[in-house]
Amino acid sequence: MTMLQSTKIDCAELDGEPLHYTACGLDNIYLMNGFSRETTDGETFISIEDLDGLWKAIGLHLVATRKVLVPKEIRYLREHMGLTQAELGARLRVSDQTIARWEKGETKLLHGPGDVMLRVLFLASKSAQPEGNKILKELIKLLDEIVEKDEKPIPCGVVFSHEKNKWNKSERCLELV
């Protein structure tokens, strides 16, 4: 099933330019294609193809990156698993207030076993299937690499492209100003 999302956008975004997709709650997501811009009564709107597929691609990208998850990314994953803060807290053996503080950036970032478990929970969720199960099989290998090569966040916009009815993360990186 193809799901479309229509959202009003700033007219400053031009046709042919990557779309800075902030409606997902993250600041560094750009779409190369898989969307259309339409003007009605002087207001410009976008429609996004296969919204569920895009959200899955973003979530899979987040759990596979070799860095600590930032607050907005934690919220994104939780929401796309369909969990409340209390439900995620129960699974991670912390309070719902701890989850809220992680999501607001009011406490040190999620790390260690909690970070790993959040990634595993997302990969096992319905939102990440069937790709999530495949990635889970590779996760132990990836975790070893994360420990060895923990990277600091790079001020770079992550670019996604819609091809052959599927959203994929591009190797392209847009420098954030």
C-alpha atoms as a PDB file:
ATOM      1  CA  MET A   1       0.000   0.000   0.000  1.00  0.00           C
ATOM      2  CA  THR A   2       1.384   3.382  -0.984  1.00  0.00           C
ATOM      3  CA  MET A   3       0.826   6.065   1.598  1.00  0.00           C
ATOM      4  CA  LEU A   4       1.038   9.744   0.652  1.00  0.00           C
ATOM      5  CA  GLN A   5       1.623  12.645   2.983  1.00  0.00           C
ATOM      6  CA  SER A   6       0.726  16.178   1.952  1.00  0.00           C
ATOM      7  CA  THR A   7       2.352  18.999   3.879  1.00  0.00           C
ATOM      8  CA  LYS A   8       2.491  22.755   3.318  1.00  0.00           C
ATOM      9  CA  ILE A   9       6.059  23.856   2.580  1.00  0.00           C
ATOM     10  CA  ASP A  10       8.030  27.066   2.369  1.00  0.00           C
ATOM     11  CA  CYS A  11       7.884  28.412  -1.184  1.00  0.00           C
ATOM     12  CA  ALA A  12      11.644  29.061  -1.012  1.00  0.00           C
ATOM     13  CA  GLU A  13      12.225  25.378  -1.783  1.00  0.00           C
ATOM     14  CA  LEU A  14      12.546  25.143  -5.560  1.00  0.00           C
ATOM     15  CA  ASP A  15      11.648  22.381  -8.002  1.00  0.00           C
ATOM     16  CA  GLY A  16      14.649  20.186  -8.746  1.00  0.00           C
ATOM     17  CA  GLU A  17      16.256  20.888  -5.386  1.00  0.00           C
ATOM     18  CA  PRO A  18      16.452  18.255  -2.627  1.00  0.00           C
ATOM     19  CA  LEU A  19      13.546  18.564  -0.213  1.00  0.00           C
ATOM     20  CA  HIS A  20      14.574  19.259   3.380  1.00  0.00           C
ATOM     21  CA  TYR A  21      12.118  16.839   5.030  1.00  0.00           C
ATOM     22  CA  THR A  22      11.608  18.084   8.580  1.00  0.00           C
ATOM     23  CA  ALA A  23       8.059  16.750   8.990  1.00  0.00           C
ATOM     24  CA  CYS A  24       9.593  13.507  10.315  1.00  0.00           C
ATOM     25  CA  GLY A  25      10.902  15.382  13.360  1.00  0.00           C
ATOM     26  CA  LEU A  26      14.568  15.153  12.352  1.00  0.00           C
ATOM     27  CA  ASP A  27      16.690  18.056  11.129  1.00  0.00           C
ATOM     28  CA  ASN A  28      19.039  16.357   8.679  1.00  0.00           C
ATOM     29  CA  ILE A  29      16.802  14.415   6.246  1.00  0.00           C
ATOM     30  CA  TYR A  30      16.700  15.378   2.564  1.00  0.00           C
ATOM     31  CA  LEU A  31      14.747  13.744  -0.267  1.00  0.00           C
ATOM     32  CA  MET A  32      16.124  13.719  -3.803  1.00  0.00           C
ATOM     33  CA  ASN A  33      12.921  12.407  -5.370  1.00  0.00           C
ATOM     34  CA  GLY A  34       9.795  10.433  -4.490  1.00  0.00           C
ATOM     35  CA  PHE A  35       7.829  13.602  -3.814  1.00  0.00           C
ATOM     36  CA  SER A  36       5.927  16.200  -5.780  1.00  0.00           C
ATOM     37  CA  ARG A  37       5.271  19.867  -5.198  1.00  0.00           C
ATOM     38  CA  GLU A  38       1.840  21.304  -5.953  1.00  0.00           C
ATOM     39  CA  THR A  39       0.520  24.853  -5.633  1.00  0.00           C
ATOM     40  CA  THR A  40      -3.120  25.379  -4.689  1.00  0.00           C
ATOM     41  CA  ASP A  41      -4.585  28.814  -4.022  1.00  0.00           C
ATOM     42  CA  GLY A  42      -1.092  30.288  -3.790  1.00  0.00           C
ATOM     43  CA  GLU A  43       0.140  27.768  -1.196  1.00  0.00           C
ATOM     44  CA  THR A  44       2.732  25.134  -2.040  1.00  0.00           C
ATOM     45  CA  PHE A  45       2.269  21.575  -0.763  1.00  0.00           C
ATOM     46  CA  ILE A  46       4.334  18.423  -1.107  1.00  0.00           C
ATOM     47  CA  SER A  47       3.140  14.852  -1.478  1.00  0.00           C
ATOM     48  CA  ILE A  48       5.498  12.017  -0.544  1.00  0.00           C
ATOM     49  CA  GLU A  49       5.288   8.576  -2.126  1.00  0.00           C
ATOM     50  CA  ASP A  50       5.413   5.455   0.051  1.00  0.00           C
ATOM     51  CA  LEU A  51       5.631   7.325   3.329  1.00  0.00           C
ATOM     52  CA  ASP A  52       5.821   4.111   5.369  1.00  0.00           C
ATOM     53  CA  GLY A  53       8.782   3.001   3.245  1.00  0.00           C
ATOM     54  CA  LEU A  54      10.525   6.330   3.793  1.00  0.00           C
ATOM     55  CA  TRP A  55       9.980   6.152   7.552  1.00  0.00           C
ATOM     56  CA  LYS A  56      11.366   2.592   7.585  1.00  0.00           C
ATOM     57  CA  ALA A  57      14.438   3.683   5.574  1.00  0.00           C
ATOM     58  CA  ILE A  58      15.081   6.546   8.003  1.00  0.00           C
ATOM     59  CA  GLY A  59      14.706   4.261  11.030  1.00  0.00           C
ATOM     60  CA  LEU A  60      16.984   1.592   9.546  1.00  0.00           C
ATOM     61  CA  HIS A  61      19.564   4.287   8.806  1.00  0.00           C
ATOM     62  CA  LEU A  62      19.413   5.544  12.402  1.00  0.00           C
ATOM     63  CA  VAL A  63      19.922   2.129  13.999  1.00  0.00           C
ATOM     64  CA  ALA A  64      22.758   1.222  11.645  1.00  0.00           C
ATOM     65  CA  THR A  65      24.796   4.418  12.072  1.00  0.00           C
ATOM     66  CA  ARG A  66      27.980   4.214  14.089  1.00  0.00           C
ATOM     67  CA  LYS A  67      27.230   7.015  16.507  1.00  0.00           C
ATOM     68  CA  VAL A  68      25.298   7.785  19.640  1.00  0.00           C
ATOM     69  CA  LEU A  69      21.620   8.509  18.981  1.00  0.00           C
ATOM     70  CA  VAL A  70      20.601  12.115  19.619  1.00  0.00           C
ATOM     71  CA  PRO A  71      17.346  13.012  21.410  1.00  0.00           C
ATOM     72  CA  LYS A  72      15.212  13.549  18.271  1.00  0.00           C
ATOM     73  CA  GLU A  73      16.390  10.204  16.873  1.00  0.00           C
ATOM     74  CA  ILE A  74      15.408   8.394  20.085  1.00  0.00           C
ATOM     75  CA  ARG A  75      11.924   9.940  19.877  1.00  0.00           C
ATOM     76  CA  TYR A  76      11.665   9.066  16.178  1.00  0.00           C
ATOM     77  CA  LEU A  77      12.474   5.397  16.798  1.00  0.00           C
ATOM     78  CA  ARG A  78      10.124   5.138  19.772  1.00  0.00           C
ATOM     79  CA  GLU A  79       7.242   6.723  17.895  1.00  0.00           C
ATOM     80  CA  HIS A  80       7.758   4.515  14.838  1.00  0.00           C
ATOM     81  CA  MET A  81       7.724   1.415  17.028  1.00  0.00           C
ATOM     82  CA  GLY A  82       4.356   2.636  18.300  1.00  0.00           C
ATOM     83  CA  LEU A  83       5.531   2.745  21.916  1.00  0.00           C
ATOM     84  CA  THR A  84       4.770   5.225  24.669  1.00  0.00           C
ATOM     85  CA  GLN A  85       7.610   6.522  26.821  1.00  0.00           C
ATOM     86  CA  ALA A  86       6.384   4.222  29.612  1.00  0.00           C
ATOM     87  CA  GLU A  87       6.364   1.159  27.316  1.00  0.00           C
ATOM     88  CA  LEU A  88       9.875   1.841  26.018  1.00  0.00           C
ATOM     89  CA  GLY A  89      11.042   2.549  29.563  1.00  0.00           C
ATOM     90  CA  ALA A  90       9.686  -0.818  30.727  1.00  0.00           C
ATOM     91  CA  ARG A  91      11.567  -2.613  27.949  1.00  0.00           C
ATOM     92  CA  LEU A  92      14.810  -0.769  28.752  1.00  0.00           C
ATOM     93  CA  ARG A  93      14.286  -1.093  32.536  1.00  0.00           C
ATOM     94  CA  VAL A  94      14.191   2.673  33.110  1.00  0.00           C
ATOM     95  CA  SER A  95      11.383   5.080  34.032  1.00  0.00           C
ATOM     96  CA  ASP A  96       9.227   6.899  31.540  1.00  0.00           C
ATOM     97  CA  GLN A  97      10.772  10.111  32.895  1.00  0.00           C
ATOM     98  CA  THR A  98      14.232   8.837  31.918  1.00  0.00           C
ATOM     99  CA  ILE A  99      12.954   8.274  28.369  1.00  0.00           C
ATOM    100  CA  ALA A 100      11.441  11.783  28.382  1.00  0.00           C
ATOM    101  CA  ARG A 101      14.739  13.297  29.537  1.00  0.00           C
ATOM    102  CA  TRP A 102      16.660  11.386  26.826  1.00  0.00           C
ATOM    103  CA  GLU A 103      14.219  12.666  24.207  1.00  0.00           C
ATOM    104  CA  LYS A 104      14.524  16.249  25.462  1.00  0.00           C
ATOM    105  CA  GLY A 105      18.311  16.112  25.800  1.00  0.00           C
ATOM    106  CA  GLU A 106      18.065  16.900  29.511  1.00  0.00           C
ATOM    107  CA  THR A 107      20.366  14.087  30.594  1.00  0.00           C
ATOM    108  CA  LYS A 108      23.458  12.408  29.185  1.00  0.00           C
ATOM    109  CA  LEU A 109      22.833  10.638  25.938  1.00  0.00           C
ATOM    110  CA  LEU A 110      21.607   7.087  25.767  1.00  0.00           C
ATOM    111  CA  HIS A 111      24.638   4.804  25.534  1.00  0.00           C
ATOM    112  CA  GLY A 112      25.846   1.299  26.280  1.00  0.00           C
ATOM    113  CA  PRO A 113      23.284  -1.472  26.755  1.00  0.00           C
ATOM    114  CA  GLY A 114      20.325   0.912  26.504  1.00  0.00           C
ATOM    115  CA  ASP A 115      21.490   2.180  23.117  1.00  0.00           C
ATOM    116  CA  VAL A 116      21.990  -1.363  21.828  1.00  0.00           C
ATOM    117  CA  MET A 117      18.614  -2.521  23.131  1.00  0.00           C
ATOM    118  CA  LEU A 118      16.783   0.426  21.535  1.00  0.00           C
ATOM    119  CA  ARG A 119      18.356  -0.445  18.181  1.00  0.00           C
ATOM    120  CA  VAL A 120      17.451  -4.125  18.577  1.00  0.00           C
ATOM    121  CA  LEU A 121      13.878  -3.250  19.577  1.00  0.00           C
ATOM    122  CA  PHE A 122      13.469  -1.118  16.462  1.00  0.00           C
ATOM    123  CA  LEU A 123      14.945  -3.787  14.180  1.00  0.00           C
ATOM    124  CA  ALA A 124      12.603  -6.395  15.659  1.00  0.00           C
ATOM    125  CA  SER A 125       9.556  -4.118  15.350  1.00  0.00           C
ATOM    126  CA  LYS A 126       6.920  -4.486  12.660  1.00  0.00           C
ATOM    127  CA  SER A 127       7.999  -1.088  11.277  1.00  0.00           C
ATOM    128  CA  ALA A 128      11.420  -2.441  10.248  1.00  0.00           C
ATOM    129  CA  GLN A 129      10.408  -5.680   8.540  1.00  0.00           C
ATOM    130  CA  PRO A 130      11.583  -7.614   6.609  1.00  0.00           C
ATOM    131  CA  GLU A 131      14.877  -5.750   6.484  1.00  0.00           C
ATOM    132  CA  GLY A 132      15.096  -5.577  10.289  1.00  0.00           C
ATOM    133  CA  ASN A 133      15.444  -9.332  10.673  1.00  0.00           C
ATOM    134  CA  LYS A 134      18.282  -9.410   8.155  1.00  0.00           C
ATOM    135  CA  ILE A 135      20.069  -6.601   9.938  1.00  0.00           C
ATOM    136  CA  LEU A 136      19.639  -8.273  13.325  1.00  0.00           C
ATOM    137  CA  LYS A 137      21.715 -11.156  12.016  1.00  0.00           C
ATOM    138  CA  GLU A 138      24.521  -8.716  11.225  1.00  0.00           C
ATOM    139  CA  LEU A 139      24.084  -6.675  14.394  1.00  0.00           C
ATOM    140  CA  ILE A 140      26.624  -8.473  16.550  1.00  0.00           C
ATOM    141  CA  LYS A 141      29.298  -7.786  13.961  1.00  0.00           C
ATOM    142  CA  LEU A 142      28.176  -4.150  13.704  1.00  0.00           C
ATOM    143  CA  LEU A 143      28.199  -3.708  17.475  1.00  0.00           C
ATOM    144  CA  ASP A 144      31.842  -4.697  17.615  1.00  0.00           C
ATOM    145  CA  GLU A 145      32.590  -2.020  15.018  1.00  0.00           C
ATOM    146  CA  ILE A 146      30.549   0.614  16.893  1.00  0.00           C
ATOM    147  CA  VAL A 147      32.568   0.008  20.037  1.00  0.00           C
ATOM    148  CA  GLU A 148      35.841   0.286  18.120  1.00  0.00           C
ATOM    149  CA  LYS A 149      34.911   3.238  15.917  1.00  0.00           C
ATOM    150  CA  ASP A 150      32.529   5.388  17.943  1.00  0.00           C
ATOM    151  CA  GLU A 151      32.202   8.550  15.870  1.00  0.00           C
ATOM    152  CA  LYS A 152      31.061  12.021  16.809  1.00  0.00           C
ATOM    153  CA  PRO A 153      28.030  13.319  14.871  1.00  0.00           C
ATOM    154  CA  ILE A 154      29.016  14.966  11.600  1.00  0.00           C
ATOM    155  CA  PRO A 155      27.219  18.219  10.678  1.00  0.00           C
ATOM    156  CA  CYS A 156      25.849  16.645   7.530  1.00  0.00           C
ATOM    157  CA  GLY A 157      22.376  16.252   6.070  1.00  0.00           C
ATOM    158  CA  VAL A 158      21.439  12.668   5.269  1.00  0.00           C
ATOM    159  CA  VAL A 159      19.994  12.343   1.757  1.00  0.00           C
ATOM    160  CA  PHE A 160      17.363   9.756   0.771  1.00  0.00           C
ATOM    161  CA  SER A 161      16.303   8.833  -2.760  1.00  0.00           C
ATOM    162  CA  HIS A 162      13.132   7.026  -3.956  1.00  0.00           C
ATOM    163  CA  GLU A 163      13.881   4.524  -6.719  1.00  0.00           C
ATOM    164  CA  LYS A 164      12.009   1.433  -7.886  1.00  0.00           C
ATOM    165  CA  ASN A 165       9.304   2.009  -5.243  1.00  0.00           C
ATOM    166  CA  LYS A 166      11.798   1.933  -2.370  1.00  0.00           C
ATOM    167  CA  TRP A 167      13.528   4.597  -0.257  1.00  0.00           C
ATOM    168  CA  ASN A 168      17.313   4.260   0.022  1.00  0.00           C
ATOM    169  CA  LYS A 169      19.930   6.279   1.846  1.00  0.00           C
ATOM    170  CA  SER A 170      22.251   7.969  -0.612  1.00  0.00           C
ATOM    171  CA  GLU A 171      26.004   8.191  -0.155  1.00  0.00           C
ATOM    172  CA  ARG A 172      25.586  11.908  -0.833  1.00  0.00           C
ATOM    173  CA  CYS A 173      25.998  14.210   2.166  1.00  0.00           C
ATOM    174  CA  LEU A 174      24.741  17.793   2.264  1.00  0.00           C
ATOM    175  CA  GLU A 175      26.816  20.080   4.468  1.00  0.00           C
ATOM    176  CA  LEU A 176      24.666  21.880   7.008  1.00  0.00           C
ATOM    177  CA  VAL A 177      25.194  25.611   7.247  1.00  0.00           C
END
